[in-house]
Protein backbone atom coordinates (compact mmCIF):
# COMPACT_ATOMS: atom_id res chain seq x y z
CA UNK A 1 -30.53 125.48 9.89
CA UNK A 2 -33.46 123.51 10.59
CA UNK A 3 -33.99 120.93 8.77
CA UNK A 4 -35.98 120.74 5.33
CA UNK A 5 -39.24 119.49 5.99
CA UNK A 6 -40.63 119.89 2.73
CA UNK A 7 -39.74 116.33 0.18
CA UNK A 8 -39.69 116.15 -3.30
CA UNK A 9 -42.18 113.43 -2.90
CA UNK A 10 -44.94 113.16 -0.37
CA UNK A 11 -45.80 115.71 2.10
CA UNK A 12 -44.16 117.91 4.60
CA UNK A 13 -44.18 116.81 8.26
CA UNK A 14 -45.72 119.60 9.25
CA UNK A 15 -48.73 117.88 7.91
CA UNK A 16 -48.91 114.98 9.97
CA UNK A 17 -48.02 117.15 13.27
CA UNK A 18 -51.37 119.25 12.17
CA UNK A 19 -52.51 115.88 11.23
CA UNK A 20 -52.31 114.37 14.86
CA UNK A 21 -53.75 117.93 17.03
CA UNK A 22 -56.26 118.06 14.74
CA UNK A 23 -57.43 114.47 15.17
CA UNK A 24 -57.83 114.92 19.22
CA UNK A 25 -59.69 117.86 18.45
CA UNK A 26 -61.68 115.87 16.56
CA UNK A 27 -61.98 113.49 19.04
CA UNK A 28 -62.52 115.63 21.58
CA UNK A 29 -65.58 116.99 19.63
CA UNK A 30 -67.23 114.88 17.81
CA UNK A 31 -67.04 112.47 21.24
CA UNK A 32 -69.01 114.90 22.78
CA UNK A 33 -71.31 115.72 19.79
CA UNK A 34 -71.90 112.05 20.21
CA UNK A 35 -73.80 112.38 23.70
CA UNK A 36 -74.49 115.63 24.10
CA UNK A 37 -78.35 115.41 23.02
CA UNK A 38 -79.35 112.81 24.29
CA UNK A 39 -77.75 114.01 27.63
CA UNK A 40 -79.87 117.38 27.26
CA UNK A 41 -83.32 115.12 27.16
CA UNK A 42 -82.34 111.88 29.07
CA UNK A 43 -80.50 113.92 32.14
CA UNK A 44 -81.10 117.86 31.95
CA UNK A 45 -85.21 116.59 30.67
CA UNK A 46 -85.17 118.67 27.56
CA UNK A 47 -87.82 117.84 24.45
CA UNK A 48 -86.39 116.14 21.93
CA UNK A 49 -87.22 119.73 19.24
CA UNK A 50 -85.40 121.63 22.00
CA UNK A 51 -82.53 119.61 22.00
CA UNK A 52 -82.55 119.73 18.10
CA UNK A 53 -83.05 123.47 17.99
CA UNK A 54 -79.62 123.77 20.95
CA UNK A 55 -78.08 121.45 18.84
CA UNK A 56 -78.23 122.94 15.62
CA UNK A 57 -77.29 126.56 17.39
CA UNK A 58 -74.17 125.28 19.47
CA UNK A 59 -72.60 123.64 15.97
CA UNK A 60 -74.23 127.18 14.30
CA UNK A 61 -71.85 129.44 16.73
CA UNK A 62 -68.97 126.97 16.70
CA UNK A 63 -68.88 127.74 12.69
CA UNK A 64 -69.99 131.57 13.67
CA UNK A 65 -66.80 132.30 15.92
CA UNK A 66 -63.87 131.09 13.90
CA UNK A 67 -64.62 134.64 12.01
CA UNK A 68 -63.86 136.42 14.84
CA UNK A 69 -60.67 133.85 15.92
CA UNK A 70 -59.53 134.44 11.65
CA UNK A 71 -59.58 137.77 12.36
CA UNK A 72 -56.87 138.30 15.49
CA UNK A 73 -55.02 135.27 14.21
CA UNK A 74 -54.73 137.99 10.83
CA UNK A 75 -54.81 140.93 12.80
CA UNK A 76 -52.86 140.11 16.44
CA UNK A 77 -51.74 136.34 16.97
CA UNK A 78 -50.81 134.98 14.37
CA UNK A 79 -52.06 131.26 13.57
CA UNK A 80 -49.86 128.92 16.26
CA UNK A 81 -51.11 130.86 19.29
CA UNK A 82 -54.69 130.56 18.33
CA UNK A 83 -54.78 127.40 17.88
CA UNK A 84 -53.05 126.87 21.76
CA UNK A 85 -55.70 129.09 23.05
CA UNK A 86 -58.79 127.75 21.31
CA UNK A 87 -57.23 124.27 22.03
CA UNK A 88 -57.31 124.85 25.90
CA UNK A 89 -60.69 126.51 25.90
CA UNK A 90 -62.22 123.67 24.22
CA UNK A 91 -60.58 121.21 26.91
CA UNK A 92 -62.30 123.80 29.88
CA UNK A 93 -65.55 123.69 28.28
CA UNK A 94 -65.78 119.69 28.23
CA UNK A 95 -64.77 119.57 31.58
CA UNK A 96 -67.22 122.19 32.38
CA UNK A 97 -70.19 119.81 30.92
CA UNK A 98 -68.81 117.19 33.59
CA UNK A 99 -69.40 118.57 35.97
CA UNK A 100 -72.69 119.56 35.01
CA UNK A 101 -73.30 115.72 33.93
CA UNK A 102 -72.39 114.87 37.76
CA UNK A 103 -74.18 117.38 39.52
CA UNK A 104 -78.44 117.33 37.92
CA UNK A 105 -79.90 115.20 40.27
CA UNK A 106 -78.92 117.36 43.11
CA UNK A 107 -79.34 120.63 41.70
CA UNK A 108 -80.70 120.44 38.12
CA UNK A 109 -81.06 124.42 37.73
CA UNK A 110 -77.17 124.54 38.13
CA UNK A 111 -76.45 121.99 35.79
CA UNK A 112 -78.58 123.55 32.75
CA UNK A 113 -76.62 127.45 33.76
CA UNK A 114 -73.04 125.27 33.27
CA UNK A 115 -73.87 122.84 29.92
CA UNK A 116 -74.64 126.55 28.95
CA UNK A 117 -71.24 128.01 30.09
CA UNK A 118 -69.73 124.96 28.68
CA UNK A 119 -71.56 125.40 25.17
CA UNK A 120 -70.15 128.46 25.34
CA UNK A 121 -66.75 128.41 26.09
CA UNK A 122 -66.27 125.10 23.65
CA UNK A 123 -67.79 127.97 21.00
CA UNK A 124 -65.59 130.37 21.05
CA UNK A 125 -62.71 127.69 21.53
CA UNK A 126 -63.47 126.10 18.40
CA UNK A 127 -63.45 129.87 16.64
CA UNK A 128 -60.05 130.10 17.78
CA UNK A 129 -59.23 126.88 16.53
CA UNK A 130 -61.25 125.78 13.63
CA UNK A 131 -59.65 128.28 11.04
CA UNK A 132 -56.18 128.79 12.11
CA UNK A 133 -55.08 125.35 11.63
CA UNK A 134 -57.10 124.84 8.88
CA UNK A 135 -55.19 127.95 6.98
CA UNK A 136 -51.45 126.42 8.70
CA UNK A 137 -52.29 123.00 5.84
CA UNK A 138 -52.06 125.67 2.67
CA UNK A 139 -49.44 127.51 4.71
CA UNK A 140 -46.85 124.08 4.20
CA UNK A 141 -46.87 124.23 0.76
CA UNK A 142 -45.17 126.96 -1.51
CA UNK A 143 -46.66 127.49 -5.05
CA UNK A 144 -45.19 125.27 -6.70
CA UNK A 145 -45.94 122.48 -4.35
CA UNK A 146 -50.55 124.03 -4.65
CA UNK A 147 -51.17 121.71 -6.92
CA UNK A 148 -50.97 119.03 -3.83
CA UNK A 149 -53.72 120.71 -1.50
CA UNK A 150 -56.19 119.02 -2.49
CA UNK A 151 -54.60 115.96 -1.95
CA UNK A 152 -52.93 117.38 1.61
CA UNK A 153 -56.69 118.04 2.70
CA UNK A 154 -58.12 114.77 2.34
CA UNK A 155 -55.15 113.44 4.04
CA UNK A 156 -55.80 116.71 6.90
CA UNK A 157 -59.32 115.70 6.83
CA UNK A 158 -58.40 111.75 7.33
CA UNK A 159 -57.30 113.56 10.71
CA UNK A 160 -60.44 114.95 11.47
CA UNK A 161 -62.85 111.49 10.80
CA UNK A 162 -59.86 109.47 13.03
CA UNK A 163 -60.58 111.60 15.84
CA UNK A 164 -64.59 111.50 14.96
CA UNK A 165 -64.74 107.99 14.97
CA UNK A 166 -62.22 107.22 18.21
CA UNK A 167 -64.46 110.35 19.59
CA UNK A 168 -67.82 108.41 18.87
CA UNK A 169 -65.77 105.33 20.01
CA UNK A 170 -65.14 105.63 23.32
CA UNK A 171 -67.39 108.89 24.25
CA UNK A 172 -70.46 106.60 23.66
CA UNK A 173 -69.12 103.04 25.58
CA UNK A 174 -68.29 105.07 28.60
CA UNK A 175 -70.93 107.84 28.86
CA UNK A 176 -74.33 106.75 27.29
CA UNK A 177 -74.26 102.64 29.16
CA UNK A 178 -77.03 100.66 28.63
CA UNK A 179 -78.04 97.80 30.65
CA UNK A 180 -79.50 94.19 29.41
CA UNK A 181 -82.69 95.80 30.21
CA UNK A 182 -82.35 98.70 27.94
CA UNK A 183 -82.16 100.96 30.79
CA UNK A 184 -79.72 103.71 30.39
CA UNK A 185 -77.59 105.36 33.01
CA UNK A 186 -78.17 108.92 32.75
CA UNK A 187 -75.21 109.65 35.50
CA UNK A 188 -72.68 107.61 33.14
CA UNK A 189 -72.61 111.16 30.57
CA UNK A 190 -70.21 112.91 32.66
CA UNK A 191 -67.43 110.10 31.70
CA UNK A 192 -67.81 111.26 28.04
CA UNK A 193 -67.39 114.23 28.60
CA UNK A 194 -63.94 113.94 30.45
CA UNK A 195 -62.95 111.40 27.61
CA UNK A 196 -63.82 114.02 25.45
CA UNK A 197 -61.64 117.08 27.60
CA UNK A 198 -58.44 114.62 28.33
CA UNK A 199 -58.38 114.07 24.22
CA UNK A 200 -57.93 118.18 24.03
CA UNK A 201 -54.91 118.15 26.19
CA UNK A 202 -53.13 115.71 24.42
CA UNK A 203 -54.13 117.49 21.09
CA UNK A 204 -53.00 121.22 22.36
CA UNK A 205 -49.68 118.86 24.27
CA UNK A 206 -48.92 117.75 20.72
CA UNK A 207 -48.73 120.54 19.06
CA UNK A 208 -47.20 122.79 21.46
CA UNK A 209 -43.78 120.52 21.45
CA UNK A 210 -43.50 119.41 18.36
CA UNK A 211 -44.61 123.20 16.59
CA UNK A 212 -40.78 124.53 16.62
CA UNK A 213 -39.78 121.56 14.56
CA UNK A 214 -42.27 121.13 12.61
CA UNK A 215 -44.57 122.95 11.25
CA UNK A 216 -42.18 125.63 9.10
CA UNK A 217 -41.73 126.68 5.43
CA UNK A 218 -38.84 124.47 3.43
CA UNK A 219 -36.48 127.17 4.76
CA UNK A 220 -37.08 126.50 7.99
CA UNK A 221 -38.72 129.52 8.97
CA UNK A 222 -42.00 129.42 11.19
CA UNK A 223 -44.91 129.28 10.41
CA UNK A 224 -48.04 130.97 12.11
CA UNK A 225 -46.19 133.54 13.90
CA UNK A 226 -47.18 136.75 15.11
CA UNK A 227 -48.62 138.75 12.16
CA UNK A 228 -45.89 141.27 13.03
CA UNK A 229 -43.64 139.09 11.42
CA UNK A 230 -44.27 138.26 7.66
CA UNK A 231 -42.05 138.81 5.69
CA UNK A 232 -42.83 139.34 1.55
CA UNK A 233 -41.87 135.85 0.87
CA UNK A 234 -45.18 135.03 2.33
CA UNK A 235 -47.13 136.88 -0.38
CA UNK A 236 -47.89 136.60 -4.25
CA UNK A 237 -45.93 139.05 -6.36
CA UNK A 238 -48.34 142.11 -6.67
CA UNK A 239 -49.92 141.58 -3.66
CA UNK A 240 -51.28 143.46 -1.30
CA UNK A 241 -49.96 142.44 2.01
CA UNK A 242 -52.64 144.67 4.66
CA UNK A 243 -56.21 144.58 4.46
CA UNK A 244 -57.49 148.29 4.27
CA UNK A 245 -61.24 149.13 4.95
CA UNK A 246 -62.35 152.23 5.59
CA UNK A 247 -64.07 154.00 8.35
CA UNK A 248 -67.43 154.03 5.50
CA UNK A 249 -67.61 150.47 5.06
CA UNK A 250 -67.26 149.43 8.91
CA UNK A 251 -70.16 151.44 9.82
CA UNK A 252 -71.92 150.48 7.00
CA UNK A 253 -71.03 146.57 7.55
CA UNK A 254 -72.44 147.48 11.66
CA UNK A 255 -75.69 149.29 10.11
CA UNK A 256 -76.22 146.15 7.78
CA UNK A 257 -75.15 143.33 10.99
CA UNK A 258 -78.34 144.78 12.53
CA UNK A 259 -81.05 145.61 9.40
CA UNK A 260 -80.24 141.38 8.66
CA UNK A 261 -80.63 140.20 12.11
CA UNK A 262 -83.76 142.22 12.30
CA UNK A 263 -85.00 140.87 8.80
CA UNK A 264 -83.64 137.26 10.22
CA UNK A 265 -85.88 137.49 13.75
CA UNK A 266 -88.94 139.60 13.01
CA UNK A 267 -89.25 139.03 9.11
CA UNK A 268 -88.76 135.39 8.57
CA UNK A 269 -88.71 134.12 12.46
CA UNK A 270 -85.08 132.54 13.38
CA UNK A 271 -84.52 132.78 16.77
CA UNK A 272 -81.78 135.07 18.30
CA UNK A 273 -78.66 132.59 18.09
CA UNK A 274 -79.96 131.63 14.19
CA UNK A 275 -80.52 135.45 13.07
CA UNK A 276 -76.61 136.02 14.17
CA UNK A 277 -75.13 133.33 12.46
CA UNK A 278 -76.71 134.28 8.77
CA UNK A 279 -76.65 138.02 9.67
CA UNK A 280 -72.85 137.84 10.13
CA UNK A 281 -71.97 135.27 7.07
CA UNK A 282 -73.40 138.18 4.97
CA UNK A 283 -72.22 141.15 6.45
CA UNK A 284 -68.67 139.84 6.49
CA UNK A 285 -68.91 138.78 3.07
CA UNK A 286 -70.03 142.38 2.36
CA UNK A 287 -67.13 143.49 4.40
CA UNK A 288 -64.26 141.88 2.69
CA UNK A 289 -65.30 142.62 -1.12
CA UNK A 290 -65.55 146.42 0.18
CA UNK A 291 -61.57 146.22 0.61
CA UNK A 292 -60.02 149.06 -1.87
CA UNK A 293 -56.83 146.70 -2.14
CA UNK A 294 -58.54 143.97 -4.10
CA UNK A 295 -58.09 143.56 -7.92
CA UNK A 296 -60.39 141.73 -9.87
CA UNK A 297 -58.98 139.09 -10.17
CA UNK A 298 -59.17 138.66 -6.34
CA UNK A 299 -62.35 139.05 -6.28
CA UNK A 300 -63.77 137.06 -8.25
CA UNK A 301 -61.64 133.96 -6.92
CA UNK A 302 -63.43 135.68 -3.37
CA UNK A 303 -66.82 135.35 -4.64
CA UNK A 304 -66.46 132.01 -5.92
CA UNK A 305 -65.84 131.38 -2.51
CA UNK A 306 -68.90 132.55 -1.62
CA UNK A 307 -70.75 130.85 -4.30
CA UNK A 308 -69.21 127.51 -3.06
CA UNK A 309 -70.61 128.58 0.41
CA UNK A 310 -73.57 129.29 -0.10
CA UNK A 311 -74.53 125.30 -1.64
CA UNK A 312 -72.62 124.33 1.40
CA UNK A 313 -75.64 125.33 3.77
CA UNK A 314 -77.35 122.36 2.11
CA UNK A 315 -75.11 119.54 2.39
CA UNK A 316 -74.73 120.09 6.06
CA UNK A 317 -78.11 120.70 6.83
CA UNK A 318 -78.31 117.30 5.94
CA UNK A 319 -74.76 115.94 6.44
CA UNK A 320 -75.66 117.23 10.46
CA UNK A 321 -78.76 115.29 10.65
CA UNK A 322 -76.41 112.21 12.55
CA UNK A 323 -76.24 114.01 15.82
CA UNK A 324 -79.80 115.16 16.20
CA UNK A 325 -82.69 113.60 14.52
CA UNK A 326 -80.81 110.20 12.96
CA UNK A 327 -80.04 110.20 16.92
CA UNK A 328 -83.35 110.10 17.72
CA UNK A 329 -84.36 107.81 15.50
CA UNK A 330 -82.14 105.61 16.27
CA UNK A 331 -83.14 105.42 19.50
CA UNK A 332 -86.22 104.88 19.01
CA UNK A 333 -87.07 103.37 15.57
CA UNK A 334 -83.86 101.21 14.76
CA UNK A 335 -83.39 98.00 15.65
CA UNK A 336 -79.74 97.88 16.60
CA UNK A 337 -78.92 94.60 16.93
CA UNK A 338 -74.81 94.87 15.11
CA UNK A 339 -74.07 91.11 14.97
CA UNK A 340 -75.79 89.81 17.65
CA UNK A 341 -74.61 93.44 20.25
CA UNK A 342 -77.23 95.68 21.22
CA UNK A 343 -75.51 99.56 19.57
CA UNK A 344 -75.57 102.51 21.81
CA UNK A 345 -77.89 105.08 20.09
CA UNK A 346 -75.67 107.24 20.20
CA UNK A 347 -72.53 104.96 18.71
CA UNK A 348 -74.33 104.30 15.06
CA UNK A 349 -72.79 107.79 13.77
CA UNK A 350 -69.24 105.95 14.14
CA UNK A 351 -69.67 105.00 10.91
CA UNK A 352 -69.29 108.32 9.05
CA UNK A 353 -65.76 108.49 11.05
CA UNK A 354 -64.78 104.93 10.13
CA UNK A 355 -65.80 105.32 6.46
CA UNK A 356 -63.63 108.23 6.31
CA UNK A 357 -60.69 106.45 7.71
CA UNK A 358 -60.71 103.77 5.05
CA UNK A 359 -61.79 106.04 2.03
CA UNK A 360 -59.90 109.48 2.56
CA UNK A 361 -56.50 107.70 1.11
CA UNK A 362 -58.67 106.01 -1.83
CA UNK A 363 -60.11 109.07 -2.50
CA UNK A 364 -56.61 111.28 -2.41
CA UNK A 365 -54.93 108.67 -4.61
CA UNK A 366 -58.25 109.12 -6.96
CA UNK A 367 -57.06 112.93 -7.54
CA UNK A 368 -54.12 112.64 -7.76
CA UNK A 369 -54.63 109.94 -10.75
CA UNK A 370 -57.52 111.71 -12.35
CA UNK A 371 -54.74 115.07 -12.09
CA UNK A 372 -52.34 112.73 -13.88
CA UNK A 373 -54.74 111.89 -16.47
CA UNK A 374 -55.70 115.47 -16.61
CA UNK A 375 -59.08 114.42 -16.32
CA UNK A 376 -59.65 115.60 -12.66
CA UNK A 377 -62.59 117.84 -12.32
CA UNK A 378 -62.32 121.10 -10.67
CA UNK A 379 -64.05 121.83 -7.13
CA UNK A 380 -66.98 123.19 -7.92
CA UNK A 381 -67.63 119.71 -9.91
CA UNK A 382 -66.53 117.12 -6.75
CA UNK A 383 -68.85 119.93 -4.59
CA UNK A 384 -71.95 119.04 -6.59
CA UNK A 385 -70.69 115.31 -6.37
CA UNK A 386 -70.81 115.42 -2.90
CA UNK A 387 -74.64 116.72 -2.67
CA UNK A 388 -76.37 114.77 -5.45
CA UNK A 389 -74.60 111.88 -3.37
CA UNK A 390 -76.20 112.94 -0.10
CA UNK A 391 -79.98 112.92 -1.88
CA UNK A 392 -78.81 110.07 -2.69
CA UNK A 393 -78.15 108.51 0.72
CA UNK A 394 -82.01 110.01 1.77
CA UNK A 395 -83.64 108.86 -1.05
CA UNK A 396 -82.55 105.43 -0.49
CA UNK A 397 -83.92 105.34 3.49
CA UNK A 398 -86.57 107.56 3.08
CA UNK A 399 -87.84 104.38 0.86
CA UNK A 400 -87.22 101.67 3.79
CA UNK A 401 -88.86 103.69 5.84
CA UNK A 402 -91.82 103.98 3.69
CA UNK A 403 -94.08 101.25 4.61
CA UNK A 404 -93.09 101.02 9.05
CA UNK A 405 -94.90 104.19 10.07
CA UNK A 406 -94.49 105.63 12.95
CA UNK A 407 -93.07 102.67 15.38
CA UNK A 408 -92.18 100.03 12.80
CA UNK A 409 -88.26 99.34 13.50
CA UNK A 410 -86.03 100.77 10.87
CA UNK A 411 -83.22 97.63 10.18
CA UNK A 412 -79.74 99.19 11.40
CA UNK A 413 -77.96 98.20 7.99
CA UNK A 414 -79.80 100.93 6.44
CA UNK A 415 -77.91 103.47 8.55
CA UNK A 416 -75.10 102.12 8.18
CA UNK A 417 -75.69 102.65 4.26
CA UNK A 418 -76.79 106.14 4.93
CA UNK A 419 -73.03 106.91 6.35
CA UNK A 420 -71.87 104.98 4.17
CA UNK A 421 -73.08 106.61 0.78
CA UNK A 422 -72.86 109.88 2.96
CA UNK A 423 -69.33 109.81 3.47
CA UNK A 424 -68.60 109.49 0.10
CA UNK A 425 -70.39 112.23 -0.57
CA UNK A 426 -68.54 114.34 2.11
CA UNK A 427 -65.19 113.47 1.22
CA UNK A 428 -66.32 115.11 -2.47
CA UNK A 429 -67.10 118.17 -0.83
CA UNK A 430 -65.66 119.11 2.63
CA UNK A 431 -61.59 118.30 2.10
CA UNK A 432 -62.11 119.72 -1.66
CA UNK A 433 -63.70 123.08 0.16
CA UNK A 434 -61.03 123.98 2.67
CA UNK A 435 -58.48 123.14 -0.46
CA UNK A 436 -60.17 125.57 -2.65
CA UNK A 437 -60.52 128.57 -0.01
CA UNK A 438 -56.54 127.75 0.62
CA UNK A 439 -55.99 128.41 -3.54
CA UNK A 440 -58.23 131.19 -3.95
CA UNK A 441 -57.60 133.45 -1.06
CA UNK A 442 -55.43 136.09 -0.90
CA UNK A 443 -53.03 135.38 2.09
CA UNK A 444 -53.76 138.82 4.03
CA UNK A 445 -57.19 137.68 3.93
CA UNK A 446 -56.64 133.43 4.94
CA UNK A 447 -57.69 133.44 7.93
CA UNK A 448 -60.41 135.45 7.58
CA UNK A 449 -61.81 133.91 4.45
CA UNK A 450 -61.84 130.39 6.35
CA UNK A 451 -63.90 131.80 8.81
CA UNK A 452 -66.29 133.15 6.21
CA UNK A 453 -66.24 129.70 5.32
CA UNK A 454 -66.79 128.00 8.19
CA UNK A 455 -69.54 130.31 8.13
CA UNK A 456 -71.10 128.24 5.78
CA UNK A 457 -70.77 125.07 7.85
CA UNK A 458 -72.28 127.29 10.23
CA UNK A 459 -75.71 128.12 8.44
CA UNK A 460 -75.61 124.71 7.44
CA UNK A 461 -75.63 123.84 11.20
CA UNK A 462 -78.78 126.21 12.17
CA UNK A 463 -80.45 125.11 9.30
CA UNK A 464 -79.62 121.39 10.83
CA UNK A 465 -81.36 122.52 14.12
CA UNK A 466 -84.23 123.78 11.74
CA UNK A 467 -85.10 120.94 9.72
CA UNK A 468 -84.15 118.90 12.43
CA UNK A 469 -86.82 119.45 14.77
CA UNK A 470 -89.39 118.72 12.34
CA UNK A 471 -88.98 115.06 13.32
CA UNK A 472 -92.34 113.53 13.83
CA UNK A 473 -93.00 111.74 16.88
CA UNK A 474 -91.59 107.68 16.31
CA UNK A 475 -91.11 104.92 17.91
CA UNK A 476 -90.73 104.92 21.68
CA UNK A 477 -93.36 108.05 21.75
CA UNK A 478 -96.04 105.85 20.63
CA UNK A 479 -95.23 102.78 23.20
CA UNK A 480 -94.88 105.51 25.86
CA UNK A 481 -98.49 107.16 25.22
CA UNK A 482 -99.62 103.92 24.96
CA UNK A 483 -98.65 103.22 28.43
CA UNK A 484 -100.68 105.87 29.87
CA UNK A 485 -103.70 104.46 28.07
CA UNK A 486 -103.62 107.29 25.15
CA UNK A 487 -103.74 106.81 21.46
CA UNK A 488 -101.39 108.75 20.21
CA UNK A 489 -101.62 107.84 16.49
CA UNK A 490 -105.61 108.79 17.13
CA UNK A 491 -104.14 111.84 18.60
CA UNK A 492 -102.00 113.55 15.66
CA UNK A 493 -105.05 112.92 13.57
CA UNK A 494 -107.36 114.52 15.26
CA UNK A 495 -109.47 112.10 16.47
CA UNK A 496 -109.37 112.46 19.98
CA UNK A 497 -108.72 115.11 21.42
CA UNK A 498 -106.95 114.49 25.24
CA UNK A 499 -107.97 115.79 28.31
CA UNK A 500 -106.26 118.18 30.29
CA UNK A 501 -104.66 115.58 32.68
CA UNK A 502 -103.76 113.86 29.87
CA UNK A 503 -102.22 116.76 27.96
CA UNK A 504 -100.08 117.13 31.17
CA UNK A 505 -99.13 113.66 31.09
CA UNK A 506 -98.13 113.47 27.54
CA UNK A 507 -95.90 117.36 28.08
CA UNK A 508 -93.93 115.45 31.53
CA UNK A 509 -93.22 112.20 28.91
CA UNK A 510 -91.75 114.72 26.38
CA UNK A 511 -94.42 114.05 23.90
CA UNK A 512 -95.67 116.65 21.15
CA UNK A 513 -99.22 115.99 20.32
CA UNK A 514 -98.88 117.97 16.52
CA UNK A 515 -97.34 117.59 13.52
CA UNK A 516 -94.46 119.76 12.28
CA UNK A 517 -95.33 121.95 9.43
CA UNK A 518 -92.41 123.03 6.99
CA UNK A 519 -92.66 125.44 4.42
CA UNK A 520 -96.90 125.23 4.92
CA UNK A 521 -96.92 121.48 4.99
CA UNK A 522 -97.59 118.97 7.70
CA UNK A 523 -94.96 116.17 8.25
CA UNK A 524 -96.34 113.13 9.14
CA UNK A 525 -93.69 110.29 9.04
CA UNK A 526 -90.28 108.96 8.44
CA UNK A 527 -90.41 108.87 4.74
CA UNK A 528 -91.63 112.55 3.87
CA UNK A 529 -89.58 114.19 6.68
CA UNK A 530 -86.49 113.03 4.85
CA UNK A 531 -87.64 113.73 1.36
CA UNK A 532 -87.03 117.08 2.76
CA UNK A 533 -83.66 116.76 2.64
CA UNK A 534 -83.73 114.67 -1.33
CA UNK A 535 -85.41 117.88 -2.34
CA UNK A 536 -82.84 120.36 -0.89
CA UNK A 537 -79.61 118.55 -1.67
CA UNK A 538 -81.07 117.31 -5.30
CA UNK A 539 -81.63 120.82 -6.42
CA UNK A 540 -78.74 122.37 -4.82
CA UNK A 541 -76.57 119.66 -6.67
CA UNK A 542 -78.11 120.68 -10.21
CA UNK A 543 -77.68 124.14 -10.21
CA UNK A 544 -74.36 124.20 -8.75
CA UNK A 545 -73.42 121.41 -11.35
CA UNK A 546 -74.84 124.03 -14.28
CA UNK A 547 -72.95 127.54 -12.50
CA UNK A 548 -69.56 125.09 -12.48
CA UNK A 549 -68.39 126.87 -16.05
CA UNK A 550 -69.29 130.31 -15.00
CA UNK A 551 -67.48 129.09 -11.92
CA UNK A 552 -64.26 128.39 -13.81
CA UNK A 553 -63.57 131.25 -15.59
CA UNK A 554 -64.24 133.45 -12.62
CA UNK A 555 -61.33 130.78 -11.02
CA UNK A 556 -58.59 132.28 -13.37
CA UNK A 557 -56.80 129.00 -13.76
CA UNK A 558 -56.94 127.94 -10.59
CA UNK A 559 -58.58 124.29 -11.05
């Protein structure tokens, strides 16, 4: 018989296998993310606003496909097989980005085609990987150990961000190379993508060789195997073991998906990808609730997941500016002198991963301590605190850019402070959300409900792309326009009208001549840009906190 891996004290050894697997996968994902938008702009010659939209759509789709990956795992392949399949797909996608970054100088059109193919492969790979590894963390703990889940997911989340830290350190070092004269080597991005691919292969190999020994239940039986081999002991007493969607509910879901997609696209003006993300989330949420086997308690617990997921959208819309608008600000309007070293702009976001690694264990200990004193706040309260902290971070930086105009340089310390506060918010929200889904999900919907939860991430990332494209012209754009003999500020303020030749020059230099507009208001400067996030996340925090008494009742004893 295999050794028992759940100890009387501490966490099962399988948690550390999943920790390591997720760490290398996040190295792959965040390392690529750190250099992606700069690659799109500098090598593939896309405009910053278009790069932000592509970035948001790509991240959104990465968190849309977990719906599909969760469904396939629950019904056909099981968690283990889907994790391995997803890992190999992501490694392949990174290799395609490597080839795209290797040939763009000789064949720009082919390089763009490879880029689109690479992003598509990564999207599906992430869809198979993401919901299934999170579901397996929850499966490691029997009912008697469920009180440890917040702590377990916080530790697991440290693995996520240790990988993010390493990826955001190594991939920019080898892929975003800037010489002493400030000139970027646009041919170096390929090495960042290659490093990301090798990291994903390492994580897949780690899981493949250790899963059978450690990723098991206390009795030694495998976790995450084929659904056909599920045993009754995996389910709560009286719980249905299989979802039962009627043909009528499936037909209604298809028509609802089409109607919602058309509404988002034609009525609200969302692009096709963003419309797909939003309509998929709403349709899947409704489909699960149509299952005839759901009890009243299960239904209300699932509704809690949906309500919390809605508010999480606004957190990720603000948080995921790191890879788009905040990277462009670091590139164009930040003094990146870090103790005498000019930090590459793609590396500034490394502080988020560094702070998570530093603070994940203290936060885990904090929850354990508060629980021992019977003072631990319920999950929605923790998440409302997370939203409040991200609002605070943008409020502080908004006032530090207020007097900079569109050309003054922001001290790097303010971006570091922003990432510190956002990290504390992230630790109050993201791992707690993963734990909440594990606690509230009926077993037969576990991976699928993780797919729904990640759809809130997808919607947040899609919104992040939309909001990131509102970034007004900053920093070096004014300098580049000045080198062309054009006063960009006067153009934006409608004091002068550029000639046709000047317009062509501005377009070639990827400089927009209009202020972006949000909800009918022009965004003239960084202060107004950051205040958009302060308002969105601040209001979301207040509303979620106000709903916590109702949510507590709907959770039926689960904290």
